[in-house]
C-alpha atoms as a PDB file:
ATOM      1  CA  UNK A   1     -40.188  -1.695  69.456  1.00  0.00           C
ATOM      2  CA  UNK A   2     -36.539  -1.916  70.489  1.00  0.00           C
ATOM      3  CA  UNK A   3     -35.024   0.469  73.005  1.00  0.00           C
ATOM      4  CA  UNK A   4     -31.995   2.723  72.377  1.00  0.00           C
ATOM      5  CA  UNK A   5     -28.620   1.721  73.749  1.00  0.00           C
ATOM      6  CA  UNK A   6     -29.006  -1.991  73.000  1.00  0.00           C
ATOM      7  CA  UNK A   7     -28.177  -4.315  70.146  1.00  0.00           C
ATOM      8  CA  UNK A   8     -30.042  -7.591  69.975  1.00  0.00           C
ATOM      9  CA  UNK A   9     -29.947 -10.822  68.013  1.00  0.00           C
ATOM     10  CA  UNK A  10     -27.133 -13.309  67.536  1.00  0.00           C
ATOM     11  CA  UNK A  11     -25.494 -11.905  64.393  1.00  0.00           C
ATOM     12  CA  UNK A  12     -25.596  -8.171  65.303  1.00  0.00           C
ATOM     13  CA  UNK A  13     -24.194  -8.859  68.761  1.00  0.00           C
ATOM     14  CA  UNK A  14     -21.509 -11.183  67.414  1.00  0.00           C
ATOM     15  CA  UNK A  15     -20.446  -8.593  64.807  1.00  0.00           C
ATOM     16  CA  UNK A  16     -20.281  -5.876  67.445  1.00  0.00           C
ATOM     17  CA  UNK A  17     -18.055  -8.051  69.636  1.00  0.00           C
ATOM     18  CA  UNK A  18     -15.805  -8.784  66.671  1.00  0.00           C
ATOM     19  CA  UNK A  19     -15.529  -5.325  65.123  1.00  0.00           C
ATOM     20  CA  UNK A  20     -16.033  -2.792  67.926  1.00  0.00           C
ATOM     21  CA  UNK A  21     -15.772  -4.503  71.321  1.00  0.00           C
ATOM     22  CA  UNK A  22     -14.722  -1.242  72.974  1.00  0.00           C
ATOM     23  CA  UNK A  23     -18.273   0.028  72.430  1.00  0.00           C
ATOM     24  CA  UNK A  24     -19.924  -2.984  74.101  1.00  0.00           C
ATOM     25  CA  UNK A  25     -20.453  -2.294  77.786  1.00  0.00           C
ATOM     26  CA  UNK A  26     -22.342  -5.382  78.913  1.00  0.00           C
ATOM     27  CA  UNK A  27     -23.833  -8.577  77.487  1.00  0.00           C
ATOM     28  CA  UNK A  28     -27.256  -9.940  78.471  1.00  0.00           C
ATOM     29  CA  UNK A  29     -28.404 -13.527  77.913  1.00  0.00           C
ATOM     30  CA  UNK A  30     -31.877 -14.921  78.551  1.00  0.00           C
ATOM     31  CA  UNK A  31     -32.166 -17.976  80.765  1.00  0.00           C
ATOM     32  CA  UNK A  32     -32.692 -21.048  78.632  1.00  0.00           C
ATOM     33  CA  UNK A  33     -31.145 -19.487  75.513  1.00  0.00           C
ATOM     34  CA  UNK A  34     -29.472 -21.959  73.140  1.00  0.00           C
ATOM     35  CA  UNK A  35     -26.044 -22.156  74.721  1.00  0.00           C
ATOM     36  CA  UNK A  36     -24.399 -23.961  71.792  1.00  0.00           C
ATOM     37  CA  UNK A  37     -25.329 -21.232  69.334  1.00  0.00           C
ATOM     38  CA  UNK A  38     -24.124 -18.521  71.707  1.00  0.00           C
ATOM     39  CA  UNK A  39     -20.762 -20.180  72.320  1.00  0.00           C
ATOM     40  CA  UNK A  40     -18.914 -17.751  70.008  1.00  0.00           C
ATOM     41  CA  UNK A  41     -20.614 -14.809  71.703  1.00  0.00           C
ATOM     42  CA  UNK A  42     -19.592 -16.007  75.171  1.00  0.00           C
ATOM     43  CA  UNK A  43     -16.033 -16.675  74.031  1.00  0.00           C
ATOM     44  CA  UNK A  44     -15.574 -13.213  72.529  1.00  0.00           C
ATOM     45  CA  UNK A  45     -17.128 -11.499  75.535  1.00  0.00           C
ATOM     46  CA  UNK A  46     -14.807 -13.378  77.896  1.00  0.00           C
ATOM     47  CA  UNK A  47     -11.771 -12.573  75.739  1.00  0.00           C
ATOM     48  CA  UNK A  48     -12.676  -8.867  75.759  1.00  0.00           C
ATOM     49  CA  UNK A  49     -13.415  -8.808  79.484  1.00  0.00           C
ATOM     50  CA  UNK A  50     -17.077  -7.920  78.947  1.00  0.00           C
ATOM     51  CA  UNK A  51     -19.451  -8.868  81.758  1.00  0.00           C
ATOM     52  CA  UNK A  52     -22.256 -11.318  80.929  1.00  0.00           C
ATOM     53  CA  UNK A  53     -25.555 -10.984  82.815  1.00  0.00           C
ATOM     54  CA  UNK A  54     -28.174 -13.741  82.750  1.00  0.00           C
ATOM     55  CA  UNK A  55     -31.796 -12.600  82.795  1.00  0.00           C
ATOM     56  CA  UNK A  56     -34.716 -14.743  83.868  1.00  0.00           C
ATOM     57  CA  UNK A  57     -38.225 -14.961  82.474  1.00  0.00           C
ATOM     58  CA  UNK A  58     -39.434 -11.952  80.520  1.00  0.00           C
ATOM     59  CA  UNK A  59     -36.675  -9.685  81.803  1.00  0.00           C
ATOM     60  CA  UNK A  60     -35.033  -9.594  78.371  1.00  0.00           C
ATOM     61  CA  UNK A  61     -38.252  -8.237  76.838  1.00  0.00           C
ATOM     62  CA  UNK A  62     -38.386  -5.625  79.585  1.00  0.00           C
ATOM     63  CA  UNK A  63     -34.791  -4.676  78.824  1.00  0.00           C
ATOM     64  CA  UNK A  64     -34.798  -4.350  75.028  1.00  0.00           C
ATOM     65  CA  UNK A  65     -38.471  -4.420  74.121  1.00  0.00           C
ATOM     66  CA  UNK A  66     -40.611  -7.028  72.381  1.00  0.00           C
ATOM     67  CA  UNK A  67     -38.252  -7.754  69.500  1.00  0.00           C
ATOM     68  CA  UNK A  68     -36.632 -10.846  67.992  1.00  0.00           C
ATOM     69  CA  UNK A  69     -33.642 -10.749  70.349  1.00  0.00           C
ATOM     70  CA  UNK A  70     -32.921 -14.497  70.084  1.00  0.00           C
ATOM     71  CA  UNK A  71     -32.004 -14.570  73.753  1.00  0.00           C
ATOM     72  CA  UNK A  72     -29.013 -12.237  73.553  1.00  0.00           C
ATOM     73  CA  UNK A  73     -28.483  -8.469  73.710  1.00  0.00           C
ATOM     74  CA  UNK A  74     -25.620  -6.077  74.249  1.00  0.00           C
ATOM     75  CA  UNK A  75     -25.617  -2.674  75.916  1.00  0.00           C
ATOM     76  CA  UNK A  76     -23.587  -0.383  73.670  1.00  0.00           C
ATOM     77  CA  UNK A  77     -22.388   3.197  73.501  1.00  0.00           C
ATOM     78  CA  UNK A  78     -24.129   5.628  71.160  1.00  0.00           C
ATOM     79  CA  UNK A  79     -23.424   5.009  67.461  1.00  0.00           C
ATOM     80  CA  UNK A  80     -20.324   6.865  66.278  1.00  0.00           C
ATOM     81  CA  UNK A  81     -21.068   8.862  63.130  1.00  0.00           C
ATOM     82  CA  UNK A  82     -18.164  10.130  61.041  1.00  0.00           C
ATOM     83  CA  UNK A  83     -17.432  13.184  58.905  1.00  0.00           C
ATOM     84  CA  UNK A  84     -17.538  13.050  55.107  1.00  0.00           C
ATOM     85  CA  UNK A  85     -13.791  13.645  55.029  1.00  0.00           C
ATOM     86  CA  UNK A  86     -13.244  10.251  56.674  1.00  0.00           C
ATOM     87  CA  UNK A  87     -15.015   8.557  53.759  1.00  0.00           C
ATOM     88  CA  UNK A  88     -12.862  10.351  51.200  1.00  0.00           C
ATOM     89  CA  UNK A  89      -9.761   9.467  53.194  1.00  0.00           C
ATOM     90  CA  UNK A  90     -10.731   5.786  53.205  1.00  0.00           C
ATOM     91  CA  UNK A  91     -11.121   5.796  49.415  1.00  0.00           C
ATOM     92  CA  UNK A  92      -7.733   7.489  49.049  1.00  0.00           C
ATOM     93  CA  UNK A  93      -6.055   4.963  51.345  1.00  0.00           C
ATOM     94  CA  UNK A  94      -7.459   2.127  49.228  1.00  0.00           C
ATOM     95  CA  UNK A  95      -6.339   3.815  46.011  1.00  0.00           C
ATOM     96  CA  UNK A  96      -9.925   3.890  44.759  1.00  0.00           C
ATOM     97  CA  UNK A  97     -12.219   6.566  43.358  1.00  0.00           C
ATOM     98  CA  UNK A  98     -14.740   7.493  46.078  1.00  0.00           C
ATOM     99  CA  UNK A  99     -18.128   5.786  45.915  1.00  0.00           C
ATOM    100  CA  UNK A 100     -20.514   7.301  48.451  1.00  0.00           C
ATOM    101  CA  UNK A 101     -24.252   7.072  49.113  1.00  0.00           C
ATOM    102  CA  UNK A 102     -26.528   9.892  50.282  1.00  0.00           C
ATOM    103  CA  UNK A 103     -30.071   9.187  51.454  1.00  0.00           C
ATOM    104  CA  UNK A 104     -32.698  11.919  51.154  1.00  0.00           C
ATOM    105  CA  UNK A 105     -34.926  11.445  54.202  1.00  0.00           C
ATOM    106  CA  UNK A 106     -35.194   7.656  54.231  1.00  0.00           C
ATOM    107  CA  UNK A 107     -37.402   7.050  57.268  1.00  0.00           C
ATOM    108  CA  UNK A 108     -37.932   3.292  57.366  1.00  0.00           C
ATOM    109  CA  UNK A 109     -35.312   1.547  59.554  1.00  0.00           C
ATOM    110  CA  UNK A 110     -35.576  -1.627  57.494  1.00  0.00           C
ATOM    111  CA  UNK A 111     -34.797   0.256  54.296  1.00  0.00           C
ATOM    112  CA  UNK A 112     -31.889   2.065  55.920  1.00  0.00           C
ATOM    113  CA  UNK A 113     -30.439  -1.199  57.192  1.00  0.00           C
ATOM    114  CA  UNK A 114     -30.830  -2.883  53.807  1.00  0.00           C
ATOM    115  CA  UNK A 115     -29.134   0.019  52.007  1.00  0.00           C
ATOM    116  CA  UNK A 116     -26.251  -0.015  54.491  1.00  0.00           C
ATOM    117  CA  UNK A 117     -25.830  -3.741  53.851  1.00  0.00           C
ATOM    118  CA  UNK A 118     -25.782  -3.265  50.061  1.00  0.00           C
ATOM    119  CA  UNK A 119     -23.431  -0.268  50.279  1.00  0.00           C
ATOM    120  CA  UNK A 120     -20.894  -2.214  52.307  1.00  0.00           C
ATOM    121  CA  UNK A 121     -21.193  -5.397  50.227  1.00  0.00           C
ATOM    122  CA  UNK A 122     -20.825  -3.534  46.915  1.00  0.00           C
ATOM    123  CA  UNK A 123     -17.788  -1.450  47.778  1.00  0.00           C
ATOM    124  CA  UNK A 124     -19.096   1.951  48.888  1.00  0.00           C
ATOM    125  CA  UNK A 125     -16.720   3.950  51.078  1.00  0.00           C
ATOM    126  CA  UNK A 126     -19.441   5.571  53.135  1.00  0.00           C
ATOM    127  CA  UNK A 127     -23.070   6.582  53.486  1.00  0.00           C
ATOM    128  CA  UNK A 128     -24.742   9.625  54.998  1.00  0.00           C
ATOM    129  CA  UNK A 129     -28.163  11.176  55.557  1.00  0.00           C
ATOM    130  CA  UNK A 130     -29.729  14.323  57.083  1.00  0.00           C
ATOM    131  CA  UNK A 131     -30.041  14.884  60.810  1.00  0.00           C
ATOM    132  CA  UNK A 132     -33.772  15.626  60.471  1.00  0.00           C
ATOM    133  CA  UNK A 133     -36.683  13.583  59.101  1.00  0.00           C
ATOM    134  CA  UNK A 134     -34.500  10.537  58.562  1.00  0.00           C
ATOM    135  CA  UNK A 135     -34.040   7.194  60.272  1.00  0.00           C
ATOM    136  CA  UNK A 136     -30.984   6.947  62.526  1.00  0.00           C
ATOM    137  CA  UNK A 137     -28.743   3.961  63.185  1.00  0.00           C
ATOM    138  CA  UNK A 138     -30.697   2.066  65.838  1.00  0.00           C
ATOM    139  CA  UNK A 139     -30.625  -1.571  66.972  1.00  0.00           C
ATOM    140  CA  UNK A 140     -33.349  -2.292  64.400  1.00  0.00           C
ATOM    141  CA  UNK A 141     -31.186  -0.795  61.643  1.00  0.00           C
ATOM    142  CA  UNK A 142     -28.117  -2.695  62.821  1.00  0.00           C
ATOM    143  CA  UNK A 143     -30.051  -5.963  62.705  1.00  0.00           C
ATOM    144  CA  UNK A 144     -31.499  -5.159  59.257  1.00  0.00           C
ATOM    145  CA  UNK A 145     -27.982  -4.419  57.989  1.00  0.00           C
ATOM    146  CA  UNK A 146     -26.818  -7.874  59.160  1.00  0.00           C
ATOM    147  CA  UNK A 147     -23.924  -6.223  60.983  1.00  0.00           C
ATOM    148  CA  UNK A 148     -22.729  -4.127  58.010  1.00  0.00           C
ATOM    149  CA  UNK A 149     -23.289  -0.945  60.039  1.00  0.00           C
ATOM    150  CA  UNK A 150     -20.343  -2.062  62.178  1.00  0.00           C
ATOM    151  CA  UNK A 151     -18.059  -1.815  59.136  1.00  0.00           C
ATOM    152  CA  UNK A 152     -19.387   0.906  56.821  1.00  0.00           C
ATOM    153  CA  UNK A 153     -18.542   4.548  57.568  1.00  0.00           C
ATOM    154  CA  UNK A 154     -21.827   6.363  58.240  1.00  0.00           C
ATOM    155  CA  UNK A 155     -22.350  10.086  58.711  1.00  0.00           C
ATOM    156  CA  UNK A 156     -25.060  12.675  59.304  1.00  0.00           C
ATOM    157  CA  UNK A 157     -25.271  16.138  57.775  1.00  0.00           C
ATOM    158  CA  UNK A 158     -27.425  19.150  58.596  1.00  0.00           C
ATOM    159  CA  UNK A 159     -28.103  20.097  54.981  1.00  0.00           C
ATOM    160  CA  UNK A 160     -28.015  17.424  52.282  1.00  0.00           C
ATOM    161  CA  UNK A 161     -27.789  19.829  49.312  1.00  0.00           C
ATOM    162  CA  UNK A 162     -24.895  21.652  50.943  1.00  0.00           C
ATOM    163  CA  UNK A 163     -23.101  18.351  51.554  1.00  0.00           C
ATOM    164  CA  UNK A 164     -23.556  17.402  47.892  1.00  0.00           C
ATOM    165  CA  UNK A 165     -22.008  20.715  46.873  1.00  0.00           C
ATOM    166  CA  UNK A 166     -19.110  20.231  49.285  1.00  0.00           C
ATOM    167  CA  UNK A 167     -18.380  16.849  47.739  1.00  0.00           C
ATOM    168  CA  UNK A 168     -18.687  18.423  44.292  1.00  0.00           C
ATOM    169  CA  UNK A 169     -15.941  20.876  45.305  1.00  0.00           C
ATOM    170  CA  UNK A 170     -13.872  17.835  46.310  1.00  0.00           C
ATOM    171  CA  UNK A 171     -14.257  16.351  42.833  1.00  0.00           C
ATOM    172  CA  UNK A 172     -17.090  13.910  43.559  1.00  0.00           C
ATOM    173  CA  UNK A 173     -19.888  13.846  40.956  1.00  0.00           C
ATOM    174  CA  UNK A 174     -23.435  13.302  42.214  1.00  0.00           C
ATOM    175  CA  UNK A 175     -25.986  11.034  40.533  1.00  0.00           C
ATOM    176  CA  UNK A 176     -29.600  11.279  41.654  1.00  0.00           C
ATOM    177  CA  UNK A 177     -31.603   8.069  41.304  1.00  0.00           C
ATOM    178  CA  UNK A 178     -35.057   8.915  39.954  1.00  0.00           C
ATOM    179  CA  UNK A 179     -37.914   7.183  38.178  1.00  0.00           C
ATOM    180  CA  UNK A 180     -38.065   7.554  34.406  1.00  0.00           C
ATOM    181  CA  UNK A 181     -35.853  10.650  34.186  1.00  0.00           C
ATOM    182  CA  UNK A 182     -32.278  11.254  33.159  1.00  0.00           C
ATOM    183  CA  UNK A 183     -30.247   8.509  31.549  1.00  0.00           C
ATOM    184  CA  UNK A 184     -30.225   4.739  32.162  1.00  0.00           C
ATOM    185  CA  UNK A 185     -27.849   3.808  34.982  1.00  0.00           C
ATOM    186  CA  UNK A 186     -25.669   1.721  32.655  1.00  0.00           C
ATOM    187  CA  UNK A 187     -24.767   4.881  30.737  1.00  0.00           C
ATOM    188  CA  UNK A 188     -23.423   6.578  33.854  1.00  0.00           C
ATOM    189  CA  UNK A 189     -19.659   6.323  34.352  1.00  0.00           C
ATOM    190  CA  UNK A 190     -19.592   4.948  37.885  1.00  0.00           C
ATOM    191  CA  UNK A 191     -15.808   4.533  37.800  1.00  0.00           C
ATOM    192  CA  UNK A 192     -15.435   8.260  38.461  1.00  0.00           C
ATOM    193  CA  UNK A 193     -15.570   9.675  42.031  1.00  0.00           C
ATOM    194  CA  UNK A 194     -19.324   9.302  42.526  1.00  0.00           C
ATOM    195  CA  UNK A 195     -22.055  10.063  45.035  1.00  0.00           C
ATOM    196  CA  UNK A 196     -25.283   8.098  44.579  1.00  0.00           C
ATOM    197  CA  UNK A 197     -28.271  10.044  45.947  1.00  0.00           C
ATOM    198  CA  UNK A 198     -31.394   8.012  46.755  1.00  0.00           C
ATOM    199  CA  UNK A 199     -34.771   9.539  47.590  1.00  0.00           C
ATOM    200  CA  UNK A 200     -37.237   8.697  50.316  1.00  0.00           C
ATOM    201  CA  UNK A 201     -39.924   6.047  50.221  1.00  0.00           C
ATOM    202  CA  UNK A 202     -42.840   7.209  48.100  1.00  0.00           C
ATOM    203  CA  UNK A 203     -41.637  10.783  47.506  1.00  0.00           C
ATOM    204  CA  UNK A 204     -38.248  10.296  45.874  1.00  0.00           C
ATOM    205  CA  UNK A 205     -35.722  13.118  45.797  1.00  0.00           C
ATOM    206  CA  UNK A 206     -36.793  16.524  47.044  1.00  0.00           C
ATOM    207  CA  UNK A 207     -36.761  19.146  44.301  1.00  0.00           C
ATOM    208  CA  UNK A 208     -33.745  21.090  45.586  1.00  0.00           C
ATOM    209  CA  UNK A 209     -31.757  17.909  46.182  1.00  0.00           C
ATOM    210  CA  UNK A 210     -32.485  16.703  42.660  1.00  0.00           C
ATOM    211  CA  UNK A 211     -31.502  20.064  41.187  1.00  0.00           C
ATOM    212  CA  UNK A 212     -28.236  19.989  43.150  1.00  0.00           C
ATOM    213  CA  UNK A 213     -27.205  16.637  41.647  1.00  0.00           C
ATOM    214  CA  UNK A 214     -24.902  16.798  38.620  1.00  0.00           C
ATOM    215  CA  UNK A 215     -27.050  14.316  36.726  1.00  0.00           C
ATOM    216  CA  UNK A 216     -30.133  12.159  37.121  1.00  0.00           C
ATOM    217  CA  UNK A 217     -30.371   8.487  36.226  1.00  0.00           C
ATOM    218  CA  UNK A 218     -33.033   5.832  36.229  1.00  0.00           C
ATOM    219  CA  UNK A 219     -33.246   2.049  36.286  1.00  0.00           C
ATOM    220  CA  UNK A 220     -34.782   0.828  32.988  1.00  0.00           C
ATOM    221  CA  UNK A 221     -37.931  -1.169  33.744  1.00  0.00           C
ATOM    222  CA  UNK A 222     -39.310  -2.757  30.553  1.00  0.00           C
ATOM    223  CA  UNK A 223     -42.109  -4.422  32.496  1.00  0.00           C
ATOM    224  CA  UNK A 224     -43.792  -1.072  33.104  1.00  0.00           C
ATOM    225  CA  UNK A 225     -44.024  -1.541  36.873  1.00  0.00           C
ATOM    226  CA  UNK A 226     -44.152   1.357  39.314  1.00  0.00           C
ATOM    227  CA  UNK A 227     -41.226   2.678  41.295  1.00  0.00           C
ATOM    228  CA  UNK A 228     -38.901   0.301  43.112  1.00  0.00           C
ATOM    229  CA  UNK A 229     -38.426   0.184  46.858  1.00  0.00           C
ATOM    230  CA  UNK A 230     -35.662   2.613  47.873  1.00  0.00           C
ATOM    231  CA  UNK A 231     -33.390  -0.150  49.152  1.00  0.00           C
ATOM    232  CA  UNK A 232     -33.864  -2.199  45.971  1.00  0.00           C
ATOM    233  CA  UNK A 233     -33.135   0.806  43.763  1.00  0.00           C
ATOM    234  CA  UNK A 234     -30.008   1.626  45.756  1.00  0.00           C
ATOM    235  CA  UNK A 235     -28.789  -1.968  45.506  1.00  0.00           C
ATOM    236  CA  UNK A 236     -29.268  -2.069  41.727  1.00  0.00           C
ATOM    237  CA  UNK A 237     -27.398   1.218  41.222  1.00  0.00           C
ATOM    238  CA  UNK A 238     -24.585   0.090  43.514  1.00  0.00           C
ATOM    239  CA  UNK A 239     -24.341  -3.229  41.702  1.00  0.00           C
ATOM    240  CA  UNK A 240     -23.912  -1.389  38.400  1.00  0.00           C
ATOM    241  CA  UNK A 241     -21.219   0.788  39.973  1.00  0.00           C
ATOM    242  CA  UNK A 242     -19.461  -2.274  41.345  1.00  0.00           C
ATOM    243  CA  UNK A 243     -19.728  -4.071  37.996  1.00  0.00           C
ATOM    244  CA  UNK A 244     -18.156  -1.177  36.118  1.00  0.00           C
ATOM    245  CA  UNK A 245     -15.402  -0.731  38.678  1.00  0.00           C
ATOM    246  CA  UNK A 246     -14.491  -4.410  38.671  1.00  0.00           C
ATOM    247  CA  UNK A 247     -14.390  -4.311  34.889  1.00  0.00           C
ATOM    248  CA  UNK A 248     -12.128  -1.270  34.790  1.00  0.00           C
ATOM    249  CA  UNK A 249      -9.635  -2.856  37.195  1.00  0.00           C
ATOM    250  CA  UNK A 250      -9.374  -6.210  35.387  1.00  0.00           C
END
């Protein structure tokens, strides 16, 4: 398990140095690490005036835990969550209808990272989740997001249903992704200001959260399989939203 306060792995560390170097306090490199591959990392660290510490033997494992660190890690400040207003502001600045993602108690770091990656790649303006019973942005999540967590606005809220209602007051319609209920996702107008709400692994949306959503939608599955993984379902819904939005702007 990784330890808090550290990013690890070539791509997550490189993205952090590129996008938020002010949050990187120190760089650690294992003795014998592939120097050629880490050349970009060293160059960025030197340019930003970030100290590089070389660790011998198993010291890197002692520092960040027994994870796939690829011989490089960065000590970073705590992740900076944002308010929902910042996400709406970003959409306004881009001249786009807001597209946000809310996660109802997603607890698997891999799923959270994958959803963050899809949200950023498919044009979402932000993502948020509850402060309790939900995975946080950790080094494992950053690595699973392939660095997208360095670019996507991410927030935390105390009460998810209340946050959905606040966004509703701001003109953002909420669509709860469920299995076999509501309408097919292709019938939803994703070009409107929209909040996609995705439920937890195995349990889906909590009853109150589902009732708070303006509408429910499902992914048609002719093959008759069971429910999709939360990150897969989120990616499919976001792809449909992106497809419709690209079509409406062409």
